[in-house]
Amino acid sequence: MIDNTELSEQNTVDISFRSINKQLWMNGMEDFCYRILKELGKRKTELSILFCKDDFIKQLNIKYRSIKSATDVLAFNQENDNGFVRQTPLPLYDGERKQYLGDIVISVDTLLKNALTFKVEPGEELKRLIIHGILHLIGMDHEKPESGMIKLQEKLLERIK
């Protein structure tokens, strides 16, 4: 069994909500993130997840992708040509600074529509979107079929359900 206390000491997941309330089916998402990060071999990392409505994620999609519609998940990687960047230094962990992976934004409106469309529970769709966002943060892209991102996403989902 995985020791989530150990995982949370190594990695940090910040979760926030914009114009929505946390739902019961969202319980355990922080621990789920820790388990995914461990599966991917990530230590000393930090990421944030923002849950919002379609109107907010649509504005982000317009601004950053020039797509005039809502989407289920967006990932904002903090990597540039010189490595990972962050305005303020993260706390030290065992003498080393944490690596800031980036931000994930999930529309709960679209998540619920997806769950109905794919006939899955909202909690399962939430896990799928969290994995999807994390994989984008570590540099994977499903637009390139050779990346195997979607296959890895489903494998991780099945393994850590």
N, C-alpha and C. Protein backbone atom coordinates (compact mmCIF):
# COMPACT_ATOMS: atom_id res chain seq x y z
N MET A 1 0.84 -1.19 0.00
CA MET A 1 0.00 0.00 0.00
C MET A 1 0.88 1.25 0.00
N ILE A 2 0.47 2.26 -0.73
CA ILE A 2 1.23 3.50 -0.84
C ILE A 2 0.99 4.36 0.39
N ASP A 3 2.06 4.91 0.94
CA ASP A 3 1.97 5.82 2.08
C ASP A 3 1.74 7.23 1.55
N ASN A 4 0.49 7.70 1.61
CA ASN A 4 0.16 9.02 1.06
C ASN A 4 0.81 10.14 1.84
N THR A 5 1.11 9.92 3.12
CA THR A 5 1.81 10.94 3.89
C THR A 5 3.18 11.19 3.29
N GLU A 6 3.88 10.11 2.98
CA GLU A 6 5.21 10.24 2.35
C GLU A 6 5.10 10.94 1.00
N LEU A 7 4.09 10.57 0.21
CA LEU A 7 3.92 11.18 -1.11
C LEU A 7 3.62 12.67 -1.00
N SER A 8 2.78 13.05 -0.05
CA SER A 8 2.42 14.46 0.07
C SER A 8 3.59 15.28 0.59
N GLU A 9 4.52 14.65 1.31
CA GLU A 9 5.71 15.37 1.75
C GLU A 9 6.67 15.62 0.58
N GLN A 10 6.67 14.75 -0.39
CA GLN A 10 7.56 14.88 -1.54
C GLN A 10 6.96 15.79 -2.61
N ASN A 11 5.66 15.72 -2.79
CA ASN A 11 4.98 16.49 -3.83
C ASN A 11 3.91 17.37 -3.20
N THR A 12 3.56 18.43 -3.89
CA THR A 12 2.53 19.33 -3.40
C THR A 12 1.48 19.51 -4.49
N VAL A 13 0.23 19.37 -4.09
CA VAL A 13 -0.89 19.59 -5.00
C VAL A 13 -1.79 20.63 -4.36
N ASP A 14 -1.95 21.77 -5.02
CA ASP A 14 -2.82 22.83 -4.54
C ASP A 14 -4.11 22.80 -5.36
N ILE A 15 -5.24 22.70 -4.67
CA ILE A 15 -6.53 22.61 -5.35
C ILE A 15 -7.38 23.81 -4.96
N SER A 16 -7.99 24.44 -5.98
CA SER A 16 -8.86 25.58 -5.70
C SER A 16 -10.09 25.52 -6.60
N PHE A 17 -11.08 26.33 -6.24
CA PHE A 17 -12.36 26.32 -6.92
C PHE A 17 -12.74 27.75 -7.29
N ARG A 18 -13.26 27.92 -8.48
CA ARG A 18 -13.71 29.24 -8.94
C ARG A 18 -15.19 29.13 -9.32
N SER A 19 -16.04 29.78 -8.57
CA SER A 19 -17.49 29.84 -8.84
C SER A 19 -18.18 28.49 -8.76
N ILE A 20 -17.58 27.53 -8.10
CA ILE A 20 -18.23 26.23 -7.88
C ILE A 20 -17.86 25.74 -6.49
N ASN A 21 -18.61 24.76 -6.01
CA ASN A 21 -18.31 24.13 -4.73
C ASN A 21 -17.79 22.72 -4.96
N LYS A 22 -16.97 22.27 -4.04
CA LYS A 22 -16.45 20.90 -4.11
C LYS A 22 -17.62 19.92 -4.00
N GLN A 23 -17.61 18.92 -4.85
CA GLN A 23 -18.65 17.88 -4.85
C GLN A 23 -18.13 16.62 -4.15
N LEU A 24 -19.05 15.80 -3.64
CA LEU A 24 -18.65 14.58 -2.94
C LEU A 24 -17.80 13.67 -3.82
N TRP A 25 -18.10 13.60 -5.12
CA TRP A 25 -17.35 12.72 -6.00
C TRP A 25 -15.93 13.21 -6.24
N MET A 26 -15.59 14.38 -5.71
CA MET A 26 -14.23 14.91 -5.83
C MET A 26 -13.34 14.49 -4.66
N ASN A 27 -13.93 13.85 -3.65
CA ASN A 27 -13.13 13.43 -2.49
C ASN A 27 -12.01 12.49 -2.92
N GLY A 28 -10.85 12.68 -2.34
CA GLY A 28 -9.71 11.82 -2.62
C GLY A 28 -8.87 12.24 -3.81
N MET A 29 -9.23 13.35 -4.47
CA MET A 29 -8.49 13.74 -5.68
C MET A 29 -7.05 14.12 -5.38
N GLU A 30 -6.80 14.70 -4.22
CA GLU A 30 -5.43 15.08 -3.88
C GLU A 30 -4.54 13.85 -3.76
N ASP A 31 -5.02 12.84 -3.02
CA ASP A 31 -4.27 11.60 -2.90
C ASP A 31 -4.10 10.93 -4.26
N PHE A 32 -5.13 11.00 -5.09
CA PHE A 32 -5.03 10.44 -6.45
C PHE A 32 -3.89 11.11 -7.21
N CYS A 33 -3.80 12.44 -7.11
CA CYS A 33 -2.71 13.16 -7.78
C CYS A 33 -1.34 12.69 -7.27
N TYR A 34 -1.22 12.52 -5.97
CA TYR A 34 0.05 12.04 -5.40
C TYR A 34 0.42 10.68 -5.97
N ARG A 35 -0.58 9.81 -6.11
CA ARG A 35 -0.31 8.47 -6.64
C ARG A 35 0.11 8.53 -8.11
N ILE A 36 -0.52 9.40 -8.89
CA ILE A 36 -0.15 9.54 -10.30
C ILE A 36 1.28 10.08 -10.41
N LEU A 37 1.59 11.09 -9.63
CA LEU A 37 2.95 11.65 -9.66
C LEU A 37 3.98 10.59 -9.30
N LYS A 38 3.67 9.76 -8.31
CA LYS A 38 4.59 8.68 -7.93
C LYS A 38 4.74 7.67 -9.07
N GLU A 39 3.63 7.29 -9.69
CA GLU A 39 3.68 6.35 -10.82
C GLU A 39 4.55 6.88 -11.95
N LEU A 40 4.53 8.20 -12.13
CA LEU A 40 5.32 8.82 -13.19
C LEU A 40 6.75 9.14 -12.75
N GLY A 41 7.10 8.73 -11.53
CA GLY A 41 8.46 8.94 -11.04
C GLY A 41 8.76 10.37 -10.65
N LYS A 42 7.72 11.15 -10.36
CA LYS A 42 7.91 12.56 -10.00
C LYS A 42 8.08 12.70 -8.49
N ARG A 43 9.14 13.37 -8.11
CA ARG A 43 9.41 13.68 -6.70
C ARG A 43 9.77 15.15 -6.62
N LYS A 44 9.44 15.72 -5.50
CA LYS A 44 9.78 17.13 -5.25
C LYS A 44 9.16 18.03 -6.31
N THR A 45 7.89 17.78 -6.61
CA THR A 45 7.20 18.59 -7.61
C THR A 45 5.97 19.24 -6.99
N GLU A 46 5.51 20.28 -7.64
CA GLU A 46 4.30 20.97 -7.22
C GLU A 46 3.46 21.26 -8.45
N LEU A 47 2.14 21.14 -8.28
CA LEU A 47 1.22 21.52 -9.34
C LEU A 47 -0.04 22.07 -8.70
N SER A 48 -0.82 22.79 -9.47
CA SER A 48 -2.09 23.30 -8.97
C SER A 48 -3.20 22.88 -9.91
N ILE A 49 -4.39 22.71 -9.32
CA ILE A 49 -5.58 22.37 -10.09
C ILE A 49 -6.67 23.36 -9.71
N LEU A 50 -7.27 23.97 -10.72
CA LEU A 50 -8.38 24.89 -10.52
C LEU A 50 -9.62 24.28 -11.16
N PHE A 51 -10.69 24.18 -10.38
CA PHE A 51 -11.97 23.72 -10.90
C PHE A 51 -12.84 24.94 -11.16
N CYS A 52 -13.49 24.96 -12.32
CA CYS A 52 -14.26 26.13 -12.72
C CYS A 52 -15.48 25.70 -13.53
N LYS A 53 -16.16 26.70 -14.08
CA LYS A 53 -17.30 26.48 -14.97
C LYS A 53 -16.87 26.70 -16.42
N ASP A 54 -17.74 26.32 -17.34
CA ASP A 54 -17.44 26.45 -18.77
C ASP A 54 -17.11 27.88 -19.19
N ASP A 55 -17.79 28.88 -18.63
CA ASP A 55 -17.55 30.24 -19.08
C ASP A 55 -16.12 30.69 -18.80
N PHE A 56 -15.56 30.27 -17.67
CA PHE A 56 -14.18 30.66 -17.35
C PHE A 56 -13.17 29.93 -18.23
N ILE A 57 -13.33 28.62 -18.39
CA ILE A 57 -12.37 27.86 -19.20
C ILE A 57 -12.48 28.27 -20.67
N LYS A 58 -13.67 28.68 -21.10
CA LYS A 58 -13.83 29.17 -22.48
C LYS A 58 -12.98 30.42 -22.69
N GLN A 59 -12.98 31.33 -21.73
CA GLN A 59 -12.16 32.54 -21.85
C GLN A 59 -10.68 32.20 -21.92
N LEU A 60 -10.24 31.23 -21.13
CA LEU A 60 -8.84 30.78 -21.19
C LEU A 60 -8.53 30.15 -22.54
N ASN A 61 -9.46 29.35 -23.04
CA ASN A 61 -9.27 28.68 -24.33
C ASN A 61 -9.16 29.71 -25.47
N ILE A 62 -9.96 30.76 -25.39
CA ILE A 62 -9.89 31.83 -26.40
C ILE A 62 -8.53 32.54 -26.30
N LYS A 63 -8.17 32.90 -25.09
CA LYS A 63 -6.94 33.68 -24.88
C LYS A 63 -5.67 32.91 -25.26
N TYR A 64 -5.58 31.66 -24.84
CA TYR A 64 -4.33 30.92 -25.01
C TYR A 64 -4.29 29.96 -26.20
N ARG A 65 -5.46 29.60 -26.74
CA ARG A 65 -5.48 28.65 -27.85
C ARG A 65 -6.27 29.15 -29.04
N SER A 66 -6.85 30.33 -28.93
CA SER A 66 -7.68 30.92 -29.99
C SER A 66 -8.82 30.00 -30.41
N ILE A 67 -9.36 29.26 -29.45
CA ILE A 67 -10.50 28.38 -29.69
C ILE A 67 -11.69 28.95 -28.93
N LYS A 68 -12.77 29.24 -29.64
CA LYS A 68 -13.90 29.95 -29.06
C LYS A 68 -14.95 29.01 -28.48
N SER A 69 -14.51 28.08 -27.67
CA SER A 69 -15.45 27.17 -27.00
C SER A 69 -14.83 26.69 -25.69
N ALA A 70 -15.70 26.15 -24.85
CA ALA A 70 -15.23 25.56 -23.60
C ALA A 70 -14.54 24.23 -23.93
N THR A 71 -13.75 23.77 -23.00
CA THR A 71 -13.10 22.46 -23.12
C THR A 71 -13.13 21.83 -21.74
N ASP A 72 -12.71 20.57 -21.64
CA ASP A 72 -12.76 19.90 -20.35
C ASP A 72 -11.55 20.21 -19.47
N VAL A 73 -10.37 20.25 -20.08
CA VAL A 73 -9.15 20.44 -19.28
C VAL A 73 -8.12 21.23 -20.09
N LEU A 74 -7.46 22.14 -19.40
CA LEU A 74 -6.32 22.86 -19.96
C LEU A 74 -5.15 22.68 -19.02
N ALA A 75 -3.96 22.60 -19.58
CA ALA A 75 -2.75 22.47 -18.77
C ALA A 75 -1.77 23.56 -19.18
N PHE A 76 -1.27 24.26 -18.19
CA PHE A 76 -0.32 25.34 -18.42
C PHE A 76 1.01 24.94 -17.82
N ASN A 77 1.87 24.45 -18.67
CA ASN A 77 3.19 23.97 -18.30
C ASN A 77 4.08 25.16 -17.94
N GLN A 78 4.91 25.02 -16.93
CA GLN A 78 5.78 26.11 -16.50
C GLN A 78 7.20 25.95 -17.02
N GLU A 79 7.37 25.14 -18.05
CA GLU A 79 8.69 24.91 -18.61
C GLU A 79 8.96 25.87 -19.76
N ASN A 80 10.18 26.34 -19.83
CA ASN A 80 10.60 27.11 -21.00
C ASN A 80 11.93 26.52 -21.49
N ASP A 81 12.59 27.17 -22.41
CA ASP A 81 13.83 26.64 -22.96
C ASP A 81 14.94 26.47 -21.92
N ASN A 82 14.85 27.22 -20.83
CA ASN A 82 15.87 27.15 -19.78
C ASN A 82 15.48 26.24 -18.63
N GLY A 83 14.40 25.49 -18.75
CA GLY A 83 13.94 24.63 -17.66
C GLY A 83 12.72 25.22 -17.00
N PHE A 84 12.39 24.70 -15.85
CA PHE A 84 11.18 25.12 -15.17
C PHE A 84 11.37 26.49 -14.52
N VAL A 85 10.34 27.31 -14.57
CA VAL A 85 10.41 28.67 -14.06
C VAL A 85 9.28 28.91 -13.05
N ARG A 86 9.52 29.81 -12.16
CA ARG A 86 8.52 30.24 -11.18
C ARG A 86 9.00 31.55 -10.61
N GLN A 87 8.09 32.46 -10.37
CA GLN A 87 8.47 33.77 -9.86
C GLN A 87 9.07 33.70 -8.46
N THR A 88 8.45 32.95 -7.57
CA THR A 88 8.96 32.86 -6.20
C THR A 88 9.51 31.46 -5.97
N PRO A 89 10.62 31.36 -5.24
CA PRO A 89 11.19 30.03 -5.02
C PRO A 89 10.28 29.15 -4.18
N LEU A 90 10.23 27.89 -4.52
CA LEU A 90 9.48 26.93 -3.72
C LEU A 90 10.29 26.53 -2.50
N PRO A 91 9.63 26.01 -1.48
CA PRO A 91 10.37 25.60 -0.29
C PRO A 91 11.35 24.47 -0.59
N LEU A 92 12.36 24.38 0.23
CA LEU A 92 13.35 23.32 0.08
C LEU A 92 12.77 22.01 0.58
N TYR A 93 13.12 20.90 -0.07
CA TYR A 93 12.77 19.57 0.39
C TYR A 93 14.06 18.77 0.34
N ASP A 94 14.52 18.31 1.48
CA ASP A 94 15.80 17.58 1.55
C ASP A 94 16.91 18.35 0.86
N GLY A 95 16.96 19.67 1.08
CA GLY A 95 18.04 20.47 0.54
C GLY A 95 17.88 20.86 -0.92
N GLU A 96 16.79 20.43 -1.56
CA GLU A 96 16.57 20.78 -2.97
C GLU A 96 15.24 21.50 -3.12
N ARG A 97 15.16 22.38 -4.08
CA ARG A 97 13.91 23.09 -4.34
C ARG A 97 12.96 22.18 -5.13
N LYS A 98 11.68 22.37 -4.87
CA LYS A 98 10.69 21.63 -5.65
C LYS A 98 10.60 22.19 -7.05
N GLN A 99 10.19 21.34 -7.97
CA GLN A 99 10.01 21.70 -9.37
C GLN A 99 8.53 22.02 -9.57
N TYR A 100 8.22 23.19 -10.09
CA TYR A 100 6.83 23.56 -10.33
C TYR A 100 6.43 23.09 -11.72
N LEU A 101 5.54 22.09 -11.78
CA LEU A 101 5.12 21.54 -13.07
C LEU A 101 4.19 22.48 -13.81
N GLY A 102 3.25 23.08 -13.12
CA GLY A 102 2.32 23.98 -13.78
C GLY A 102 0.93 23.91 -13.21
N ASP A 103 -0.02 24.40 -14.00
CA ASP A 103 -1.41 24.53 -13.56
C ASP A 103 -2.33 23.73 -14.47
N ILE A 104 -3.31 23.08 -13.86
CA ILE A 104 -4.35 22.37 -14.58
C ILE A 104 -5.67 23.07 -14.27
N VAL A 105 -6.46 23.32 -15.31
CA VAL A 105 -7.78 23.92 -15.14
C VAL A 105 -8.79 22.93 -15.69
N ILE A 106 -9.80 22.60 -14.87
CA ILE A 106 -10.82 21.61 -15.26
C ILE A 106 -12.19 22.26 -15.15
N SER A 107 -12.95 22.19 -16.24
CA SER A 107 -14.33 22.67 -16.23
C SER A 107 -15.23 21.55 -15.71
N VAL A 108 -15.88 21.80 -14.59
CA VAL A 108 -16.79 20.81 -14.02
C VAL A 108 -18.02 20.64 -14.92
N ASP A 109 -18.46 21.72 -15.56
CA ASP A 109 -19.59 21.61 -16.49
C ASP A 109 -19.30 20.59 -17.60
N THR A 110 -18.15 20.73 -18.25
CA THR A 110 -17.80 19.83 -19.35
C THR A 110 -17.48 18.44 -18.83
N LEU A 111 -16.86 18.35 -17.66
CA LEU A 111 -16.59 17.05 -17.05
C LEU A 111 -17.89 16.28 -16.88
N LEU A 112 -18.93 16.94 -16.37
CA LEU A 112 -20.22 16.26 -16.16
C LEU A 112 -20.86 15.86 -17.49
N LYS A 113 -20.74 16.70 -18.51
CA LYS A 113 -21.25 16.34 -19.84
C LYS A 113 -20.51 15.13 -20.38
N ASN A 114 -19.17 15.12 -20.22
CA ASN A 114 -18.36 13.97 -20.68
C ASN A 114 -18.79 12.70 -19.97
N ALA A 115 -19.00 12.78 -18.66
CA ALA A 115 -19.39 11.59 -17.88
C ALA A 115 -20.70 11.01 -18.42
N LEU A 116 -21.65 11.87 -18.74
CA LEU A 116 -22.92 11.39 -19.33
C LEU A 116 -22.70 10.78 -20.71
N THR A 117 -21.93 11.47 -21.53
CA THR A 117 -21.67 11.00 -22.90
C THR A 117 -20.98 9.64 -22.90
N PHE A 118 -19.96 9.49 -22.04
CA PHE A 118 -19.17 8.25 -22.02
C PHE A 118 -19.71 7.21 -21.05
N LYS A 119 -20.82 7.56 -20.37
CA LYS A 119 -21.49 6.64 -19.43
C LYS A 119 -20.53 6.16 -18.33
N VAL A 120 -19.83 7.13 -17.72
CA VAL A 120 -18.96 6.84 -16.59
C VAL A 120 -19.36 7.75 -15.42
N GLU A 121 -18.95 7.38 -14.25
CA GLU A 121 -19.22 8.20 -13.07
C GLU A 121 -18.38 9.48 -13.15
N PRO A 122 -18.89 10.58 -12.59
CA PRO A 122 -18.11 11.82 -12.59
C PRO A 122 -16.72 11.66 -11.95
N GLY A 123 -16.63 10.86 -10.91
CA GLY A 123 -15.33 10.64 -10.25
C GLY A 123 -14.32 9.98 -11.17
N GLU A 124 -14.78 9.07 -12.02
CA GLU A 124 -13.87 8.43 -12.98
C GLU A 124 -13.42 9.42 -14.04
N GLU A 125 -14.36 10.23 -14.52
CA GLU A 125 -13.99 11.23 -15.53
C GLU A 125 -13.04 12.26 -14.93
N LEU A 126 -13.25 12.62 -13.67
CA LEU A 126 -12.34 13.53 -12.98
C LEU A 126 -10.93 12.96 -12.96
N LYS A 127 -10.80 11.70 -12.61
CA LYS A 127 -9.47 11.06 -12.58
C LYS A 127 -8.84 11.08 -13.97
N ARG A 128 -9.63 10.79 -14.99
CA ARG A 128 -9.12 10.79 -16.37
C ARG A 128 -8.58 12.18 -16.73
N LEU A 129 -9.32 13.22 -16.38
CA LEU A 129 -8.89 14.58 -16.71
C LEU A 129 -7.67 15.01 -15.90
N ILE A 130 -7.58 14.58 -14.66
CA ILE A 130 -6.39 14.89 -13.85
C ILE A 130 -5.16 14.24 -14.49
N ILE A 131 -5.27 12.97 -14.84
CA ILE A 131 -4.14 12.28 -15.49
C ILE A 131 -3.79 13.00 -16.79
N HIS A 132 -4.80 13.32 -17.58
CA HIS A 132 -4.60 13.99 -18.87
C HIS A 132 -3.82 15.29 -18.66
N GLY A 133 -4.25 16.09 -17.69
CA GLY A 133 -3.57 17.35 -17.41
C GLY A 133 -2.13 17.16 -16.95
N ILE A 134 -1.91 16.19 -16.08
CA ILE A 134 -0.55 15.93 -15.59
C ILE A 134 0.36 15.48 -16.74
N LEU A 135 -0.15 14.63 -17.60
CA LEU A 135 0.66 14.17 -18.74
C LEU A 135 1.04 15.34 -19.65
N HIS A 136 0.11 16.27 -19.84
CA HIS A 136 0.47 17.48 -20.60
C HIS A 136 1.55 18.27 -19.88
N LEU A 137 1.44 18.39 -18.56
CA LEU A 137 2.44 19.16 -17.81
C LEU A 137 3.84 18.58 -17.91
N ILE A 138 3.93 17.26 -18.06
CA ILE A 138 5.26 16.67 -18.17
C ILE A 138 5.74 16.57 -19.62
N GLY A 139 4.96 17.21 -20.53
CA GLY A 139 5.44 17.35 -21.91
C GLY A 139 4.82 16.44 -22.94
N MET A 140 3.84 15.63 -22.56
CA MET A 140 3.21 14.74 -23.54
C MET A 140 2.15 15.50 -24.32
N ASP A 141 1.88 15.04 -25.55
CA ASP A 141 0.93 15.70 -26.42
C ASP A 141 0.18 14.65 -27.23
N HIS A 142 -1.13 14.56 -27.06
CA HIS A 142 -1.91 13.56 -27.79
C HIS A 142 -2.10 13.91 -29.26
N GLU A 143 -1.72 15.12 -29.65
CA GLU A 143 -1.78 15.48 -31.08
C GLU A 143 -0.73 14.70 -31.87
N LYS A 144 0.27 14.20 -31.16
CA LYS A 144 1.31 13.36 -31.77
C LYS A 144 1.02 11.92 -31.37
N PRO A 145 0.37 11.14 -32.23
CA PRO A 145 -0.01 9.77 -31.87
C PRO A 145 1.15 8.92 -31.36
N GLU A 146 2.34 9.18 -31.85
CA GLU A 146 3.49 8.38 -31.42
C GLU A 146 3.85 8.60 -29.95
N SER A 147 3.30 9.65 -29.33
CA SER A 147 3.62 9.92 -27.93
C SER A 147 3.00 8.88 -27.01
N GLY A 148 1.93 8.25 -27.44
CA GLY A 148 1.28 7.23 -26.61
C GLY A 148 0.57 7.81 -25.40
N MET A 149 0.27 9.11 -25.43
CA MET A 149 -0.30 9.77 -24.27
C MET A 149 -1.64 9.17 -23.84
N ILE A 150 -2.55 8.99 -24.78
CA ILE A 150 -3.89 8.49 -24.42
C ILE A 150 -3.79 7.05 -23.92
N LYS A 151 -2.94 6.26 -24.53
CA LYS A 151 -2.76 4.88 -24.06
C LYS A 151 -2.21 4.87 -22.63
N LEU A 152 -1.22 5.71 -22.35
CA LEU A 152 -0.66 5.81 -21.00
C LEU A 152 -1.71 6.34 -20.03
N GLN A 153 -2.50 7.31 -20.46
CA GLN A 153 -3.56 7.86 -19.61
C GLN A 153 -4.50 6.75 -19.15
N GLU A 154 -4.97 5.95 -20.08
CA GLU A 154 -5.92 4.88 -19.74
C GLU A 154 -5.27 3.79 -18.90
N LYS A 155 -4.01 3.50 -19.17
CA LYS A 155 -3.27 2.51 -18.38
C LYS A 155 -3.14 2.98 -16.92
N LEU A 156 -2.79 4.25 -16.74
CA LEU A 156 -2.67 4.79 -15.38
C LEU A 156 -4.02 4.80 -14.68
N LEU A 157 -5.06 5.18 -15.41
CA LEU A 157 -6.40 5.21 -14.83
C LEU A 157 -6.80 3.82 -14.35
N GLU A 158 -6.56 2.82 -15.16
CA GLU A 158 -6.91 1.45 -14.80
C GLU A 158 -6.08 0.98 -13.60
N ARG A 159 -4.82 1.30 -13.58
CA ARG A 159 -3.92 0.86 -12.52
C ARG A 159 -4.24 1.50 -11.17
N ILE A 160 -4.68 2.76 -11.19
CA ILE A 160 -4.82 3.49 -9.94
C ILE A 160 -6.28 3.77 -9.59
N LYS A 161 -7.22 3.20 -10.29
CA LYS A 161 -8.64 3.39 -9.98
C LYS A 161 -8.86 3.07 -8.53
